[in-house]
Amino acid sequence: MNNLDTTPQSAAVNSLPEFADYQTAKRLFSLSRSYLYQLVEERKIRSVSLRKKGALKGRRLFDCASIRQYINSMVEEAE
């Protein structure tokens, strides 16, 4: 017998990356770079900066799940 799950799945939900740089986050959620940084500063979304020890510059990655939670909270507030 074949035990495959045939329940329909949304490709968009299942293909969301765990973390995204600002260009990818902008493309996925239509949020500007400055707004993403503002939300991080206000602790409404999470991010991490990856950089080598002693380096001044690094790579900022945004937590896609926290962005989605923030957007969902805004939808719930509007209702």
Foldseek 3Di string as FASTA:
>chain_A
DDPDDPPDDDPLVVVDDQKAAQVVCCVSPVDHPVVQVVCVVVVQWDWDFDDDPPDPHTTIITGPVSVVVSVVVVVVVVD
